[in-house]
Protein backbone atom coordinates (compact mmCIF):
# COMPACT_ATOMS: atom_id res chain seq x y z
CA MET A 1 -4.68 -11.94 -10.37
CA SER A 2 -5.50 -9.38 -7.67
CA ASP A 3 -5.44 -6.55 -10.24
CA SER A 4 -7.86 -8.37 -12.54
CA ILE A 5 -10.21 -9.02 -9.64
CA SER A 6 -10.04 -5.35 -8.68
CA ILE A 7 -10.87 -4.28 -12.22
CA PHE A 8 -13.70 -6.81 -12.42
CA ASP A 9 -15.11 -5.60 -9.10
CA ARG A 10 -14.91 -2.01 -10.33
CA ILE A 11 -16.84 -2.84 -13.51
CA ILE A 12 -19.56 -4.56 -11.47
CA GLU A 13 -19.71 -1.65 -9.02
CA VAL A 14 -19.95 0.94 -11.81
CA GLU A 15 -22.87 -0.94 -13.35
CA LYS A 16 -24.50 -1.32 -9.94
CA SER A 17 -24.11 2.41 -9.29
CA LYS A 18 -25.63 3.22 -12.66
CA ARG A 19 -28.62 0.98 -11.98
CA LEU A 20 -29.19 2.30 -8.45
CA HIS A 21 -28.36 5.95 -8.94
CA GLY A 22 -27.85 6.64 -12.64
CA PHE A 23 -24.50 8.14 -11.65
CA ASP A 24 -20.84 7.32 -12.26
CA VAL A 25 -18.31 9.75 -10.88
CA GLU A 26 -15.60 9.05 -13.46
CA GLU A 27 -17.94 9.68 -16.35
CA GLU A 28 -19.31 12.85 -14.74
CA VAL A 29 -15.86 14.31 -14.08
CA ALA A 30 -14.78 13.48 -17.66
CA PHE A 31 -17.87 15.28 -18.97
CA VAL A 32 -17.18 18.40 -16.88
CA PHE A 33 -13.64 18.51 -18.27
CA SER A 34 -15.13 18.69 -21.76
CA CYS A 35 -16.08 22.30 -20.93
CA PRO A 36 -15.35 24.29 -24.12
CA LYS A 37 -14.21 27.34 -22.14
CA VAL A 38 -11.30 25.39 -20.62
CA LYS A 39 -9.31 24.78 -23.79
CA LYS A 40 -5.71 24.62 -22.61
CA GLU A 41 -4.44 21.24 -21.53
CA ARG A 42 -2.23 23.06 -19.04
CA ASP A 43 -5.31 24.41 -17.21
CA LYS A 44 -6.86 20.93 -17.06
CA ASP A 45 -3.58 19.47 -15.82
CA VAL A 46 -3.41 22.04 -13.02
CA LEU A 47 -6.90 21.10 -11.81
CA THR A 48 -6.15 17.39 -12.18
CA ASP A 49 -3.01 17.70 -10.07
CA ARG A 50 -4.46 20.09 -7.48
CA PHE A 51 -7.46 17.84 -6.75
CA GLY A 52 -5.68 14.50 -7.10
CA LEU A 53 -7.86 13.29 -9.96
CA THR A 54 -5.25 10.84 -11.23
CA SER A 55 -3.07 10.36 -8.15
CA GLU A 56 -3.82 9.50 -4.53
CA LYS A 57 -2.39 12.74 -3.15
CA PRO A 58 -3.25 16.19 -4.54
CA LYS A 59 -0.17 18.25 -5.44
CA THR A 60 0.77 21.54 -3.82
CA LEU A 61 0.99 24.84 -5.67
CA GLU A 62 4.78 24.69 -5.34
CA GLU A 63 4.99 21.19 -6.84
CA ILE A 64 2.87 22.14 -9.83
CA GLY A 65 4.72 25.43 -10.26
CA ARG A 66 8.06 23.63 -10.45
CA SER A 67 6.77 21.19 -13.07
CA LEU A 68 5.40 24.08 -15.19
CA SER A 69 8.31 26.46 -14.46
CA VAL A 70 5.94 29.14 -13.12
CA THR A 71 5.36 30.70 -9.70
CA ARG A 72 2.96 29.24 -7.13
CA GLU A 73 0.88 32.42 -7.45
CA ARG A 74 0.54 31.85 -11.19
CA VAL A 75 -0.64 28.28 -10.50
CA ARG A 76 -3.20 29.68 -8.06
CA GLN A 77 -4.52 32.06 -10.73
CA ILE A 78 -4.77 29.27 -13.32
CA GLU A 79 -6.61 27.04 -10.83
CA LYS A 80 -9.04 29.79 -9.78
CA THR A 81 -9.89 30.81 -13.35
CA ALA A 82 -10.27 27.26 -14.70
CA LEU A 83 -12.32 26.13 -11.70
CA ARG A 84 -14.69 29.07 -12.02
CA LYS A 85 -15.30 28.15 -15.67
CA LEU A 86 -16.03 24.51 -14.74
CA ILE A 87 -18.45 25.55 -11.99
CA ILE A 88 -20.41 27.78 -14.39
CA PHE A 89 -20.44 25.03 -17.00
CA ALA A 90 -21.49 22.32 -14.56
CA ASN A 91 -24.35 24.37 -13.12
CA GLN A 92 -25.71 25.20 -16.59
CA GLU A 93 -25.61 21.74 -18.17
CA LYS A 94 -28.70 19.53 -17.95
CA ARG A 95 -26.63 16.37 -17.65
CA THR A 96 -24.64 17.66 -14.68
CA ASP A 97 -27.74 19.17 -13.11
CA LYS A 98 -29.31 15.70 -13.20
CA ALA A 99 -26.24 14.25 -11.48
CA PHE A 100 -26.37 16.98 -8.83
CA GLN A 101 -30.06 16.18 -8.27
CA ILE A 102 -29.29 12.47 -7.80
CA ILE A 103 -26.72 13.35 -5.14
CA LYS A 104 -29.09 15.79 -3.42
CA GLU A 105 -31.84 13.15 -3.26
CA GLN A 106 -29.46 10.75 -1.50
CA ILE A 107 -28.37 13.44 0.95
CA ASP A 108 -32.01 14.26 1.69
CA LYS A 109 -32.69 10.58 2.36
CA GLU A 110 -29.94 10.67 4.97
CA GLY A 111 -31.55 13.62 6.73
CA GLY A 112 -30.03 16.46 4.73
CA VAL A 113 -26.48 16.09 6.03
CA VAL A 114 -23.95 13.40 5.15
CA SER A 115 -20.27 12.85 5.90
CA LEU A 116 -17.95 12.54 2.91
CA ASN A 117 -17.18 8.97 3.95
CA LYS A 118 -20.88 8.09 3.72
CA ILE A 119 -21.15 9.77 0.31
CA TYR A 120 -18.16 7.72 -0.86
CA GLU A 121 -19.87 4.51 0.29
CA ILE A 122 -23.12 5.41 -1.48
CA PHE A 123 -21.73 6.47 -4.86
CA ILE A 124 -18.46 4.54 -5.15
CA GLY A 125 -19.51 1.32 -3.45
CA VAL A 126 -17.04 -1.54 -3.02
CA ASN A 127 -14.09 0.71 -3.97
CA HIS A 128 -15.16 3.58 -1.70
CA LYS A 129 -11.72 3.64 -0.03
CA ASN A 130 -9.95 4.23 -3.35
CA PRO A 131 -8.27 7.67 -2.88
CA VAL A 132 -8.48 8.69 -6.56
CA LEU A 133 -12.20 7.92 -6.75
CA GLN A 134 -12.71 9.77 -3.47
CA ASN A 135 -10.85 12.79 -4.87
CA LYS A 136 -12.96 12.74 -8.03
CA LEU A 137 -16.24 12.61 -6.11
CA LYS A 138 -15.11 15.34 -3.70
CA PHE A 139 -14.11 17.50 -6.68
CA PHE A 140 -17.47 16.93 -8.37
CA LEU A 141 -19.39 17.79 -5.19
CA GLY A 142 -17.44 21.05 -5.01
CA LEU A 143 -18.83 22.11 -8.37
CA ASP A 144 -22.44 22.15 -7.14
CA LYS A 145 -23.24 25.71 -6.05
CA ASN A 146 -26.35 24.54 -4.17
CA LEU A 147 -24.56 22.11 -1.87
CA ILE A 148 -23.27 23.38 1.46
CA LYS A 149 -19.71 22.15 2.01
CA ILE A 150 -18.79 21.25 5.60
CA ASN A 151 -15.01 21.45 5.98
CA GLU A 152 -13.17 19.19 8.39
CA THR A 153 -12.24 20.87 11.68
CA ALA A 154 -10.92 19.74 15.05
CA ASP A 155 -14.53 18.92 16.03
CA LEU A 156 -16.20 17.94 12.73
CA LEU A 157 -15.66 15.44 9.95
CA ALA A 158 -15.91 16.73 6.39
CA GLY A 159 -19.38 16.48 4.89
CA VAL A 160 -22.04 18.02 2.67
CA SER A 161 -25.47 19.42 3.41
CA SER A 162 -28.43 19.99 1.12
CA GLN A 163 -30.24 22.33 3.50
CA ILE A 164 -28.57 22.90 6.88
CA PRO A 165 -25.99 25.71 7.24
CA THR A 166 -22.62 24.92 8.78
CA THR A 167 -23.41 27.21 11.73
CA ASP A 168 -26.48 25.09 12.54
CA VAL A 169 -24.42 21.90 12.26
CA GLN A 170 -21.94 23.31 14.78
CA LYS A 171 -24.75 24.39 17.12
CA ILE A 172 -26.35 20.92 17.03
CA VAL A 173 -23.03 19.25 17.84
CA GLU A 174 -22.31 21.70 20.67
CA THR A 175 -25.78 21.07 22.12
CA GLY A 176 -25.26 17.29 21.92
CA VAL A 177 -21.92 17.56 23.68
CA GLY A 178 -23.59 19.67 26.38
CA ILE A 179 -26.25 17.00 26.98
CA LEU A 180 -23.61 14.31 27.41
CA GLU A 181 -21.42 16.45 29.65
CA LYS A 182 -24.36 17.18 31.93
CA GLU A 183 -25.40 13.51 32.08
CA ASN A 184 -21.78 12.41 32.52
CA ARG A 185 -22.52 8.91 31.25
CA PRO A 186 -23.34 7.20 27.92
CA ILE A 187 -26.93 7.68 26.75
CA GLU A 188 -28.93 5.24 24.64
CA GLY A 189 -29.15 6.53 21.06
CA ALA A 190 -32.92 7.03 20.76
CA GLU A 191 -33.09 8.72 24.18
CA PHE A 192 -30.19 11.02 23.24
CA LEU A 193 -31.91 12.11 20.02
CA LYS A 194 -35.16 12.86 21.87
CA ARG A 195 -33.31 15.10 24.29
CA LEU A 196 -31.41 16.77 21.46
CA GLN A 197 -34.62 17.40 19.49
CA LYS A 198 -36.22 18.90 22.58
CA LYS A 199 -33.29 21.31 22.88
CA MET A 200 -33.09 22.17 19.18
CA GLY A 201 -36.80 22.29 18.39
CA GLU A 202 -39.32 20.15 16.49
CA SER A 203 -38.26 21.67 13.14
CA TYR A 204 -35.28 19.29 13.22
CA LEU A 205 -36.14 15.68 12.42
CA GLU A 206 -34.43 13.04 14.55
CA LYS A 207 -32.94 11.59 11.36
CA THR A 208 -31.35 14.94 10.56
CA LEU A 209 -29.98 15.30 14.07
CA ALA A 210 -28.55 11.77 13.91
CA SER A 211 -26.79 12.58 10.61
CA VAL A 212 -25.28 15.74 12.09
CA ILE A 213 -24.07 13.89 15.19
CA ASP A 214 -22.35 11.37 12.88
CA LEU A 215 -20.08 14.26 11.85
CA ALA A 216 -19.03 15.01 15.44
CA LYS A 217 -15.51 13.81 16.20
CA ASN A 218 -15.97 14.09 19.96
CA ILE A 219 -19.20 12.06 20.10
CA ILE A 220 -18.87 8.30 19.60
CA LYS A 221 -21.55 5.67 19.13
CA THR A 222 -20.84 2.30 20.71
CA GLU A 223 -21.71 -1.07 19.17
CA GLU A 224 -24.55 -1.26 21.67
CA GLY A 225 -26.04 1.97 20.30
CA HIS A 226 -25.09 4.29 23.17
CA LEU A 227 -23.56 7.72 22.65
CA GLY A 228 -20.77 9.20 24.69
CA LEU A 229 -17.84 11.60 24.55
CA SER A 230 -14.66 10.45 22.86
CA HIS A 231 -12.47 11.16 25.90
CA TRP A 232 -14.53 8.83 28.11
CA ARG A 233 -12.59 5.61 28.69
CA GLU A 234 -15.72 3.45 28.68
CA ILE A 235 -16.61 4.83 25.22
CA ASN A 236 -13.23 5.14 23.57
CA PRO A 237 -10.72 3.06 25.54
CA LYS A 238 -7.06 3.82 24.84
CA SER A 239 -4.94 1.57 27.06
CA ILE A 240 -4.98 -2.24 27.13
CA ARG A 241 -6.41 -2.04 30.64
CA ASP A 242 -9.32 0.15 29.55
CA LYS A 243 -9.95 -2.02 26.49
CA THR A 244 -10.04 -5.10 28.72
CA TYR A 245 -12.66 -3.44 30.92
CA TYR A 246 -14.59 -2.33 27.81
CA VAL A 247 -14.67 -5.90 26.40
CA LEU A 248 -15.94 -7.43 29.66
CA ARG A 249 -18.56 -4.71 30.07
CA LYS A 250 -19.69 -5.22 26.48
CA HIS A 251 -20.09 -9.01 26.77
CA GLN A 252 -21.54 -8.92 30.31
CA LYS A 253 -20.07 -12.29 31.21
CA PRO A 254 -16.75 -13.74 32.44
CA LEU A 255 -14.19 -14.41 29.69
CA HIS A 256 -10.86 -16.22 29.39
CA PHE A 257 -7.94 -13.81 29.03
CA GLU A 258 -7.08 -15.25 25.60
CA GLU A 259 -10.61 -14.53 24.40
CA ILE A 260 -10.37 -10.99 25.78
CA ALA A 261 -7.14 -10.50 23.78
CA LEU A 262 -8.92 -11.60 20.58
CA HIS A 263 -11.75 -9.11 21.16
CA ILE A 264 -9.21 -6.32 21.74
CA GLU A 265 -7.49 -7.23 18.46
CA ARG A 266 -10.81 -6.75 16.67
CA LEU A 267 -11.18 -3.35 18.34
CA ASP A 268 -7.67 -2.44 17.22
CA GLU A 269 -8.00 -3.79 13.68
CA GLY A 270 -5.07 -2.59 11.63
CA LYS A 271 -3.13 -1.41 14.69
CA LYS A 272 -0.31 -3.00 16.68
CA LYS A 273 -1.03 -6.59 17.71
CA VAL A 274 -2.01 -7.08 21.36
CA THR A 275 -0.37 -10.06 23.08
CA LYS A 276 -2.27 -12.41 25.36
CA GLN A 277 0.38 -11.93 28.04
CA ALA A 278 -0.08 -8.14 27.99
CA VAL A 279 -3.82 -8.58 28.58
CA HIS A 280 -3.20 -11.14 31.33
CA ASN A 281 -0.78 -8.77 33.07
CA GLU A 282 -3.42 -6.02 33.19
CA LEU A 283 -6.03 -8.44 34.54
CA ILE A 284 -3.71 -9.41 37.36
CA ARG A 285 -2.79 -5.84 38.30
CA ASP A 286 -6.22 -4.19 38.32
CA GLU A 287 -8.60 -4.76 41.24
CA ARG A 288 -11.60 -4.35 38.94
CA PHE A 289 -10.88 -7.81 37.48
CA ILE A 290 -11.45 -10.99 39.49
CA LEU A 291 -10.01 -14.39 38.59
CA ILE A 292 -12.88 -16.87 38.91
CA GLY A 293 -11.44 -19.88 37.12
CA ARG A 294 -8.38 -21.01 35.22
CA GLY A 295 -7.61 -17.92 33.16
CA ILE A 296 -11.24 -16.76 33.36
CA TYR A 297 -11.92 -13.25 34.65
CA ALA A 298 -15.01 -11.31 35.70
CA LEU A 299 -15.66 -7.76 36.87
CA LYS A 300 -15.73 -7.06 40.57
CA GLU A 301 -18.72 -4.76 40.00
CA TRP A 302 -20.76 -7.84 39.05
CA GLY A 303 -20.60 -9.00 42.67
CA TYR A 304 -17.52 -11.18 42.48
CA ASN A 305 -15.15 -11.04 45.46
CA PRO A 306 -11.37 -11.44 45.31
CA GLY A 307 -9.54 -14.34 46.91
CA VAL A 308 -8.94 -18.06 46.58
CA VAL A 309 -11.75 -20.61 46.96
CA GLU A 310 -11.01 -20.98 50.68
CA LYS A 311 -11.53 -17.23 51.19
CA VAL A 312 -14.73 -17.30 49.12
CA ILE A 313 -16.17 -20.10 51.32
CA GLU A 314 -15.20 -18.18 54.44
CA ASP A 315 -16.93 -15.02 53.19
CA ILE A 316 -20.08 -17.00 52.28
CA LEU A 317 -20.31 -18.59 55.73
CA ASN A 318 -19.61 -15.32 57.54
CA GLU A 319 -22.23 -13.51 55.50
CA ALA A 320 -24.78 -16.27 56.20
CA GLY A 321 -24.11 -15.99 59.94
CA LYS A 322 -24.90 -19.67 60.41
CA PRO A 323 -23.68 -23.13 59.37
CA LEU A 324 -24.55 -24.17 55.81
CA HIS A 325 -25.00 -27.55 54.13
CA LYS A 326 -22.29 -28.42 51.63
CA ASP A 327 -24.81 -28.21 48.77
CA GLU A 328 -25.65 -24.62 49.74
CA ILE A 329 -21.95 -23.78 49.97
CA ILE A 330 -21.26 -25.34 46.57
CA GLU A 331 -24.13 -23.39 45.00
CA GLU A 332 -22.90 -20.07 46.42
CA VAL A 333 -19.25 -20.68 45.54
CA LYS A 334 -20.20 -21.46 41.93
CA LYS A 335 -21.77 -18.02 41.72
CA GLN A 336 -18.32 -16.63 42.48
CA ARG A 337 -15.93 -19.11 40.90
CA ILE A 338 -15.76 -21.54 37.99
CA VAL A 339 -14.42 -24.57 39.87
CA LYS A 340 -15.21 -28.25 40.26
CA GLU A 341 -17.29 -29.45 43.20
CA THR A 342 -14.37 -31.59 44.35
CA THR A 343 -12.23 -28.45 44.66
CA ILE A 344 -14.84 -26.87 46.94
CA LEU A 345 -15.17 -30.03 49.04
CA LEU A 346 -11.39 -30.31 49.43
CA ASN A 347 -11.26 -26.71 50.67
CA LEU A 348 -13.98 -27.50 53.24
CA GLN A 349 -11.57 -30.04 54.77
CA LYS A 350 -9.09 -27.33 55.68
CA ASP A 351 -8.57 -26.21 59.27
CA LYS A 352 -10.39 -22.98 58.54
CA PHE A 353 -13.73 -24.85 58.62
CA VAL A 354 -15.42 -27.25 61.03
CA ARG A 355 -18.23 -29.72 60.40
CA VAL A 356 -21.02 -29.18 62.94
CA ALA A 357 -23.57 -31.66 61.57
CA ARG A 358 -23.96 -34.10 58.69
CA ALA A 359 -22.40 -32.35 55.63
CA THR A 360 -22.91 -29.01 57.38
CA TYR A 361 -20.05 -26.57 57.93
CA THR A 362 -19.17 -23.29 59.60
CA VAL A 363 -16.03 -21.19 60.09
CA ARG A 364 -13.85 -22.48 62.93
CA LYS A 365 -13.62 -19.99 65.75
CA GLN A 366 -10.17 -18.73 66.61
CA GLY A 367 -8.69 -20.91 69.35
CA GLY A 368 -11.44 -23.49 68.72
């Protein structure tokens, strides 16, 4: 059943792609392979295997050489010669030129630079994570002599550009990193782009700069739309403790530890499951987190103070510097803790406090 659904979805997506873009990658690759100058099936098989056009993983020169009983160098020569013929053919044919133009128009709409992942989403659609379809589209993009290929590096994701050289892409990313390093805190997206445009010059549209920054591996955009460096814990938390802090900061309100665990699971989708107990253990150990109710935690930086209800009442009275009515005490405690009024009133009956007037309390003096 799942296979039939997948095939059905693919048919729908192909038709949708044709309507929206007039482009289907499988048809375009098949047309290119009809090149009359590449006659030998062996040459086509080498290209098919090397670029993974029928399998998820492209084959190495050695693997292909063994299957053909030739050297890896001979495979390299066959690949180079056949690919050159396909590139010439593709760039001379009106049909392929139209397909290249469709792709270029989409890249221009994105600001002139697009990551390969984005290109996959645009032209493959619902099956954009299918490795074979990705390989076919990547292969087809490589045939266009007018597209600038951006190879994946330690700092950049793979992408394509219709107008901006790779050196400029690198310079934009380096400048963006410099802005964030100098600020040393996350910057709101629109503000970041304004600063980046000021540094790079008005010739770069903000949309173009945003597309380039999307390629940067060391710059991350948060769900709130802020940009920061990937090694910052508040941007890209690694440990359970940092993820707990990230979740509370994101939601800006106290949360139960079980709810925090669920939010962390969503952050770590597809990774190892996070247990509620592991989250609770980190909340207990770290002074940044304050227990304000049964299993409910807040951040100390929000103004919450550590301690049991009795200690909270004591701190409130000491800070006031005068006796307070029970209603005032209840109001202030509820800003610090999620507890019932009866719990607060029971704590007021402890020896720590003394009633000095009707329903009015202060801290008992030592020896008093």
